[in-house]
C-alpha atoms as a PDB file:
ATOM      1  CA  MET A   1      59.578 -80.767 139.999  1.00  0.00           C
ATOM      2  CA  ARG A   2      57.396 -78.716 137.546  1.00  0.00           C
ATOM      3  CA  GLU A   3      54.607 -79.745 138.969  1.00  0.00           C
ATOM      4  CA  TYR A   4      55.408 -78.270 141.844  1.00  0.00           C
ATOM      5  CA  ARG A   5      56.051 -75.360 140.030  1.00  0.00           C
ATOM      6  CA  GLN A   6      52.804 -74.052 139.180  1.00  0.00           C
ATOM      7  CA  GLU A   7      49.053 -72.113 140.109  1.00  0.00           C
ATOM      8  CA  PHE A   8      46.875 -74.881 141.255  1.00  0.00           C
ATOM      9  CA  ILE A   9      43.928 -72.396 141.846  1.00  0.00           C
ATOM     10  CA  GLY A  10      41.437 -73.369 139.616  1.00  0.00           C
ATOM     11  CA  SER A  11      43.057 -77.335 139.584  1.00  0.00           C
ATOM     12  CA  LEU A  12      40.580 -80.180 140.127  1.00  0.00           C
ATOM     13  CA  VAL A  13      41.710 -81.524 143.667  1.00  0.00           C
ATOM     14  CA  LYS A  14      41.037 -84.898 145.648  1.00  0.00           C
ATOM     15  CA  VAL A  15      42.347 -84.584 148.820  1.00  0.00           C
ATOM     16  CA  GLU A  16      43.595 -88.192 149.974  1.00  0.00           C
ATOM     17  CA  SER A  17      42.823 -88.906 153.078  1.00  0.00           C
ATOM     18  CA  THR A  18      39.444 -87.187 153.287  1.00  0.00           C
ATOM     19  CA  GLY A  19      38.153 -87.720 149.954  1.00  0.00           C
ATOM     20  CA  ILE A  20      37.292 -84.379 149.966  1.00  0.00           C
ATOM     21  CA  GLU A  21      37.145 -83.416 145.635  1.00  0.00           C
ATOM     22  CA  GLY A  22      36.762 -80.156 143.905  1.00  0.00           C
ATOM     23  CA  LYS A  23      38.426 -76.761 142.711  1.00  0.00           C
ATOM     24  CA  ILE A  24      41.170 -75.149 144.648  1.00  0.00           C
ATOM     25  CA  ILE A  25      39.620 -71.911 144.425  1.00  0.00           C
ATOM     26  CA  ASP A  26      42.856 -70.612 147.124  1.00  0.00           C
ATOM     27  CA  GLU A  27      45.845 -71.385 148.351  1.00  0.00           C
ATOM     28  CA  THR A  28      47.978 -69.723 151.001  1.00  0.00           C
ATOM     29  CA  ARG A  29      51.586 -70.820 152.799  1.00  0.00           C
ATOM     30  CA  SER A  30      49.387 -73.901 154.720  1.00  0.00           C
ATOM     31  CA  THR A  31      46.361 -74.278 153.359  1.00  0.00           C
ATOM     32  CA  PHE A  32      43.877 -74.877 150.546  1.00  0.00           C
ATOM     33  CA  THR A  33      40.572 -73.643 150.024  1.00  0.00           C
ATOM     34  CA  ILE A  34      38.692 -76.440 148.288  1.00  0.00           C
ATOM     35  CA  GLN A  35      34.657 -75.480 146.142  1.00  0.00           C
ATOM     36  CA  THR A  36      33.183 -78.550 146.466  1.00  0.00           C
ATOM     37  CA  LYS A  37      29.795 -79.417 145.114  1.00  0.00           C
ATOM     38  CA  ASP A  38      28.558 -78.281 147.987  1.00  0.00           C
ATOM     39  CA  ASP A  39      30.368 -75.684 150.042  1.00  0.00           C
ATOM     40  CA  GLU A  40      34.135 -73.733 150.773  1.00  0.00           C
ATOM     41  CA  LYS A  41      36.540 -76.645 152.102  1.00  0.00           C
ATOM     42  CA  ARG A  42      39.926 -75.298 153.969  1.00  0.00           C
ATOM     43  CA  VAL A  43      42.607 -78.209 154.288  1.00  0.00           C
ATOM     44  CA  GLU A  44      46.006 -78.033 155.616  1.00  0.00           C
ATOM     45  CA  LYS A  45      48.775 -78.808 153.615  1.00  0.00           C
ATOM     46  CA  ASN A  46      51.247 -80.298 155.312  1.00  0.00           C
ATOM     47  CA  THR A  47      48.914 -83.197 156.921  1.00  0.00           C
ATOM     48  CA  HIS A  48      47.466 -84.320 153.798  1.00  0.00           C
ATOM     49  CA  SER A  49      48.524 -85.421 150.789  1.00  0.00           C
ATOM     50  CA  PHE A  50      46.461 -83.973 147.197  1.00  0.00           C
ATOM     51  CA  ILE A  51      46.134 -85.748 143.466  1.00  0.00           C
ATOM     52  CA  ILE A  52      45.854 -82.377 141.533  1.00  0.00           C
ATOM     53  CA  THR A  53      44.530 -82.881 137.810  1.00  0.00           C
ATOM     54  CA  THR A  54      47.518 -80.221 135.997  1.00  0.00           C
ATOM     55  CA  GLN A  55      48.131 -79.473 132.701  1.00  0.00           C
ATOM     56  CA  HIS A  56      50.521 -83.044 133.090  1.00  0.00           C
ATOM     57  CA  GLY A  57      48.219 -85.043 134.229  1.00  0.00           C
ATOM     58  CA  LYS A  58      47.099 -85.949 137.639  1.00  0.00           C
ATOM     59  CA  VAL A  59      49.838 -86.306 140.470  1.00  0.00           C
ATOM     60  CA  LYS A  60      50.273 -86.734 143.607  1.00  0.00           C
ATOM     61  CA  ILE A  61      51.715 -84.610 145.710  1.00  0.00           C
ATOM     62  CA  PRO A  62      52.780 -83.914 149.461  1.00  0.00           C
ATOM     63  CA  GLY A  63      51.602 -81.042 151.066  1.00  0.00           C
ATOM     64  CA  ASP A  64      54.373 -80.987 153.141  1.00  0.00           C
ATOM     65  CA  ARG A  65      56.768 -80.746 150.113  1.00  0.00           C
ATOM     66  CA  ILE A  66      54.905 -77.678 149.301  1.00  0.00           C
ATOM     67  CA  ARG A  67      53.999 -76.211 152.321  1.00  0.00           C
ATOM     68  CA  MET A  68      54.889 -72.177 151.934  1.00  0.00           C
ATOM     69  CA  ARG A  69      53.392 -68.919 149.819  1.00  0.00           C
ATOM     70  CA  PRO A  70      52.479 -69.728 145.811  1.00  0.00           C
ATOM     71  CA  GLU A  71      54.647 -67.912 144.493  1.00  0.00           C
ATOM     72  CA  ASP A  72      57.530 -68.792 146.214  1.00  0.00           C
ATOM     73  CA  ARG A  73      56.543 -72.401 144.988  1.00  0.00           C
ATOM     74  CA  ILE A  74      56.421 -71.234 141.922  1.00  0.00           C
ATOM     75  CA  ARG A  75      60.366 -69.598 142.056  1.00  0.00           C
ATOM     76  CA  HIS A  76      61.635 -72.724 143.986  1.00  0.00           C
ATOM     77  CA  ASN A  77      64.621 -74.296 142.016  1.00  0.00           C
ATOM     78  CA  TRP A  78      63.113 -78.302 142.931  1.00  0.00           C
END
């Protein structure tokens, strides 16, 4: 899926289950770091779904589907 094969750093995001909203400022294999209006939050990918604003619009992405290093996700053959 093309919405999984892109860079998420710099994208706006909302964590569905917690309501955390902000901009993704870092990504590891297991987490997103999100800059909220108040501070930075580190959120596990595996246990949350994310609504990410991408170049294709807003997409809901289950975190367990993208739980891999960003460079591997971009190259992954979906």
